[in-house]
Each structure stands twice: as structure tokens, then as C-alpha cells.
Amino acid sequence: MARTVWDSSVGKKTVMAVSGLIMLLYLVVHMIGNLKIFFGADEFNHYAHWLRTVGEPFMHYEWTLWIIRVALVVAVVAHATSAYQLSRRDIRARPSKYVHKKPRASYATRTMRWGGIILGLFIVWHILDLTTGTVHPGFQPGHPYQNVVDTFSTGYGNVIYIVAMLALGLHVRHGFWSAAQTLGAGSRSRDRALKAVANVLALLLTAGFIAVPVGVMTGVVS
């Protein structure tokens, strides 16, 4: 039954919607946590340490954090896989001949497609930069505040992050509304409200995340 659901377009859209909402919930929490950097190094570092001790003593050190990480990896893989397979299925379903040599995708479709690729590449870079320190010269394990300040003290770090967050805002704006439609929450009477919620979420997430590099660039965070 699970294979039958997955093989259907409706099943893939449902997986895409649910995994997207899981990631959206994480992004809201992550953004709120990031804003703690404006309260100083001690509070931000304490928050980063707390993430590793959530659930103690019932949970071992970092177990809860790793459960969250695994759940996010599953959500990202499921989201990307369903998106790719739906895209390929859509291409195969199109007629072979067009008036134009290339079919014109809608603005929303192009934004979601390229935005997803940008965000996928950014996730890899972000982990290598601020989690493992692989691409971060001078990375200091156990000093997240200083690592964030170091990253956003470089021009390329700011450009990569801000471009990715703009792509995130566009992705959330269209994705939230699409997920609501897929899961049956949309209707003529609710569409305006759902689109308003999508716009507000996209704006808050984009502004909240970009506030950190802007804070470092302006010297508010140093």
C-alpha cells in the first residue's frame, strides 16, 4: 500500500507537503534561536550548549539533537526526491511538439525549482561552515558565537547566506500555499488567508535570518 501511494502523483505531493511543513517548523525555531545572538555571546553560546543537553538525563548528551538531525535529513531527502520525480513525470506527460522550442514554465515553478537547488547547495555549505568547520578557516569548536561573527565578517559569507535566505523566502511563499492545497486545507474562502499567512511567514523568516549577517556587518553583533 505504501508503494502504491508513493508511486502516485498525489502520494508524492503529500510527501512533499508534509516534509516541507516539517522543515518549515524547524526553520521557525531555528530563526528564533539565531536571534539570541543579539543578546550577547554568553546567551548565544549557552543556547548552543542547551541544544546538546535537551532531554537529559533521560536522553544522553546530544541524542535529542541527533534525532532532530536525522529527522531533518529524512525530510530533506523525501522533499527533494518527490520534487524531482514529480518534475520528471510532468515533463514526460507533456506533448512532444510545442509552438515554442522550449515550454514556458510559470514564474512560481521556476522559482521553486531553482530555489530548491540553491537551498540544497546552501545546506551543504552551511553545515561545512558552522557545524564541522571544514570550509571555515579559524573555526573554534565550542564557540558558536565567534564562529558566526567570523563567517559574517567575510564578504563571500554574507553573499552566500543572504542569497540563500532570499531564495528561502520565495520557496516558503509558494510552498506553504501549495502544501495547504495538497493537504486539503485550501478553498476559495481560505485562499486569501492562506496566501497572507504564506507571505507573512516568508517575510518573517527572510528578515529574521538576514538580520544576523546584517547585525555583524553593522557592528551591532561583534
Protein backbone atom coordinates (compact mmCIF):
# COMPACT_ATOMS: atom_id res chain seq x y z
CA MET A 1 0.00 0.00 0.00
CA ALA A 2 2.83 2.38 0.86
CA ARG A 3 4.46 1.68 -2.53
CA THR A 4 1.16 2.30 -4.31
CA VAL A 5 0.74 5.65 -2.54
CA TRP A 6 4.33 6.66 -3.28
CA ASP A 7 4.03 5.75 -6.97
CA SER A 8 1.03 8.05 -7.38
CA SER A 9 1.40 11.76 -8.04
CA VAL A 10 -0.93 12.51 -5.13
CA GLY A 11 1.25 10.43 -2.83
CA LYS A 12 4.42 12.23 -3.90
CA LYS A 13 2.75 15.63 -3.48
CA THR A 14 1.61 14.62 0.00
CA VAL A 15 5.13 13.52 0.97
CA MET A 16 6.45 16.79 -0.42
CA ALA A 17 3.89 18.82 1.54
CA VAL A 18 4.39 17.03 4.87
CA SER A 19 8.20 17.08 4.64
CA GLY A 20 8.05 20.76 3.67
CA LEU A 21 5.95 21.62 6.71
CA ILE A 22 8.36 19.71 8.98
CA MET A 23 11.26 21.76 7.60
CA LEU A 24 9.23 24.96 7.92
CA LEU A 25 8.59 24.27 11.62
CA TYR A 26 12.31 23.70 12.12
CA LEU A 27 13.15 26.93 10.30
CA VAL A 28 10.88 28.98 12.56
CA VAL A 29 12.51 27.50 15.69
CA HIS A 30 15.99 27.86 14.18
CA MET A 31 15.39 31.50 13.32
CA ILE A 32 14.22 32.31 16.85
CA GLY A 33 17.33 30.61 18.22
CA ASN A 34 19.58 32.54 15.84
CA LEU A 35 18.19 35.86 17.06
CA LYS A 36 19.62 35.11 20.51
CA ILE A 37 22.93 36.28 19.09
CA PHE A 38 21.72 39.86 19.65
CA PHE A 39 21.72 39.20 23.42
CA GLY A 40 25.45 38.56 23.53
CA ALA A 41 27.99 35.77 23.35
CA ASP A 42 27.14 34.20 26.72
CA GLU A 43 23.45 33.74 25.93
CA PHE A 44 24.05 32.51 22.38
CA ASN A 45 26.73 30.03 23.47
CA HIS A 46 24.52 28.84 26.33
CA TYR A 47 21.68 28.26 23.85
CA ALA A 48 24.00 26.25 21.58
CA HIS A 49 25.09 24.14 24.57
CA TRP A 50 21.47 23.65 25.67
CA LEU A 51 20.64 22.14 22.26
CA ARG A 52 23.06 19.33 23.07
CA THR A 53 21.62 18.64 26.53
CA VAL A 54 17.88 18.69 25.69
CA GLY A 55 16.15 15.74 27.34
CA GLU A 56 18.87 14.98 29.90
CA PRO A 57 19.12 12.92 31.99
CA PHE A 58 16.57 10.70 30.19
CA MET A 59 18.35 11.30 26.88
CA HIS A 60 22.11 11.01 26.59
CA TYR A 61 24.21 14.05 25.61
CA GLU A 62 23.35 15.13 22.02
CA TRP A 63 20.88 12.27 21.46
CA THR A 64 17.91 14.62 21.04
CA LEU A 65 19.92 16.83 18.68
CA TRP A 66 20.88 13.83 16.56
CA ILE A 67 17.26 12.64 16.41
CA ILE A 68 16.31 16.08 15.10
CA ARG A 69 19.16 15.99 12.58
CA VAL A 70 18.16 12.55 11.28
CA ALA A 71 14.51 13.62 11.00
CA LEU A 72 15.57 16.70 9.03
CA VAL A 73 17.78 14.66 6.69
CA VAL A 74 14.87 12.30 6.01
CA ALA A 75 12.57 15.28 5.39
CA VAL A 76 15.06 16.95 3.02
CA VAL A 77 15.69 13.73 1.06
CA ALA A 78 11.96 12.94 0.84
CA HIS A 79 11.17 16.50 -0.23
CA ALA A 80 13.90 16.64 -2.88
CA THR A 81 13.17 13.15 -4.22
CA SER A 82 9.43 13.72 -4.56
CA ALA A 83 10.04 17.14 -6.17
CA TYR A 84 12.48 15.67 -8.70
CA GLN A 85 10.25 12.73 -9.58
CA LEU A 86 7.18 14.93 -9.96
CA SER A 87 9.15 17.24 -12.22
CA ARG A 88 10.30 14.33 -14.42
CA ARG A 89 6.77 12.94 -14.53
CA ASP A 90 5.44 16.34 -15.57
CA ILE A 91 7.99 16.57 -18.39
CA ARG A 92 7.12 13.08 -19.68
CA ALA A 93 3.41 13.94 -19.65
CA ARG A 94 3.85 16.94 -21.92
CA PRO A 95 3.15 16.61 -25.62
CA SER A 96 6.25 16.21 -27.79
CA LYS A 97 5.64 19.20 -30.01
CA TYR A 98 5.32 22.82 -28.99
CA VAL A 99 4.91 26.05 -30.84
CA HIS A 100 7.99 27.22 -28.94
CA LYS A 101 11.08 25.04 -28.83
CA LYS A 102 11.06 25.12 -25.03
CA PRO A 103 7.91 25.03 -22.88
CA ARG A 104 7.48 28.09 -20.73
CA ALA A 105 7.29 27.23 -17.05
CA SER A 106 5.42 29.55 -14.75
CA TYR A 107 7.34 32.06 -12.59
CA ALA A 108 6.38 30.14 -9.44
CA THR A 109 7.58 26.83 -10.92
CA ARG A 110 10.92 28.29 -11.99
CA THR A 111 11.37 29.92 -8.59
CA MET A 112 10.64 26.69 -6.71
CA ARG A 113 12.93 24.63 -8.94
CA TRP A 114 15.97 26.89 -8.83
CA GLY A 115 15.26 27.93 -5.26
CA GLY A 116 15.33 24.29 -4.19
CA ILE A 117 18.70 23.75 -5.88
CA ILE A 118 20.15 26.89 -4.27
CA LEU A 119 18.88 25.84 -0.84
CA GLY A 120 20.23 22.31 -1.24
CA LEU A 121 23.71 23.63 -2.04
CA PHE A 122 23.45 26.14 0.81
CA ILE A 123 22.59 23.44 3.36
CA VAL A 124 25.79 21.58 2.46
CA TRP A 125 27.87 24.76 2.70
CA HIS A 126 26.21 25.85 5.95
CA ILE A 127 26.99 22.52 7.64
CA LEU A 128 30.59 22.56 6.43
CA ASP A 129 30.94 26.16 7.59
CA LEU A 130 29.32 26.34 11.02
CA THR A 131 28.88 22.71 12.12
CA THR A 132 32.00 20.85 11.04
CA GLY A 133 34.18 23.90 10.27
CA THR A 134 35.56 22.18 7.16
CA VAL A 135 35.39 25.32 4.99
CA HIS A 136 35.76 27.75 7.88
CA PRO A 137 39.34 28.97 8.48
CA GLY A 138 39.86 29.61 12.17
CA PHE A 139 36.83 27.56 13.23
CA GLN A 140 36.65 27.23 17.03
CA PRO A 141 34.77 24.15 18.29
CA GLY A 142 32.53 25.05 21.21
CA HIS A 143 32.47 28.77 20.35
CA PRO A 144 29.42 29.20 18.07
CA TYR A 145 29.10 32.95 18.68
CA GLN A 146 32.64 33.65 17.47
CA ASN A 147 32.23 31.29 14.52
CA VAL A 148 29.09 33.11 13.36
CA VAL A 149 30.79 36.50 13.70
CA ASP A 150 33.80 35.22 11.74
CA THR A 151 31.61 33.90 8.92
CA PHE A 152 29.67 37.12 8.51
CA SER A 153 32.82 39.22 8.72
CA THR A 154 33.67 37.97 5.23
CA GLY A 155 32.08 39.26 2.03
CA TYR A 156 31.54 35.84 0.48
CA GLY A 157 29.91 34.52 3.67
CA ASN A 158 27.37 37.34 3.63
CA VAL A 159 26.62 36.98 -0.08
CA ILE A 160 26.07 33.21 0.11
CA TYR A 161 23.86 33.48 3.18
CA ILE A 162 21.73 36.42 2.03
CA VAL A 163 21.14 34.98 -1.45
CA ALA A 164 20.11 31.66 0.11
CA MET A 165 17.72 33.38 2.53
CA LEU A 166 16.08 35.33 -0.30
CA ALA A 167 15.62 32.03 -2.14
CA LEU A 168 14.19 30.56 1.07
CA GLY A 169 11.62 33.35 1.33
CA LEU A 170 10.38 32.75 -2.22
CA HIS A 171 10.34 28.98 -1.62
CA VAL A 172 8.28 29.30 1.58
CA ARG A 173 5.91 31.81 -0.01
CA HIS A 174 4.84 29.44 -2.75
CA GLY A 175 5.50 26.18 -0.89
CA PHE A 176 3.29 26.87 2.12
CA TRP A 177 0.28 27.68 -0.06
CA SER A 178 0.93 24.63 -2.27
CA ALA A 179 1.21 22.35 0.77
CA ALA A 180 -2.11 23.66 2.10
CA GLN A 181 -3.76 22.86 -1.24
CA THR A 182 -2.25 19.37 -1.33
CA LEU A 183 -3.37 18.54 2.21
CA GLY A 184 -6.91 19.76 1.56
CA ALA A 185 -6.78 22.92 3.65
CA GLY A 186 -7.32 25.23 0.71
CA SER A 187 -10.65 26.52 -0.54
CA ARG A 188 -12.00 29.63 -2.20
CA SER A 189 -12.87 31.16 1.15
CA ARG A 190 -9.46 30.32 2.68
CA ASP A 191 -7.14 31.04 -0.24
CA ARG A 192 -6.69 34.72 0.61
CA ALA A 193 -5.92 33.94 4.25
CA LEU A 194 -3.52 31.13 3.32
CA LYS A 195 -1.67 33.36 0.88
CA ALA A 196 -1.45 36.07 3.53
CA VAL A 197 0.00 33.58 6.04
CA ALA A 198 2.47 32.38 3.39
CA ASN A 199 3.58 35.96 2.70
CA VAL A 200 3.98 36.77 6.40
CA LEU A 201 5.94 33.56 7.08
CA ALA A 202 8.21 34.19 4.11
CA LEU A 203 8.83 37.78 5.16
CA LEU A 204 9.50 36.97 8.82
CA LEU A 205 11.84 34.09 8.04
CA THR A 206 13.79 36.07 5.44
CA ALA A 207 14.09 39.15 7.66
CA GLY A 208 14.87 37.10 10.78
CA PHE A 209 17.67 35.11 9.19
CA ILE A 210 19.18 38.06 7.29
CA ALA A 211 19.17 40.13 10.49
CA VAL A 212 22.15 38.13 11.77
CA PRO A 213 24.66 38.92 8.98
CA VAL A 214 23.35 42.49 8.87
CA GLY A 215 23.93 42.74 12.62
CA VAL A 216 27.53 41.62 12.18
CA MET A 217 28.13 43.91 9.18
CA THR A 218 26.81 46.94 11.05
CA GLY A 219 28.72 46.17 14.23
CA VAL A 220 25.61 45.53 16.36
CA VAL A 221 26.94 41.98 16.79
CA SER A 222 30.72 41.86 17.25
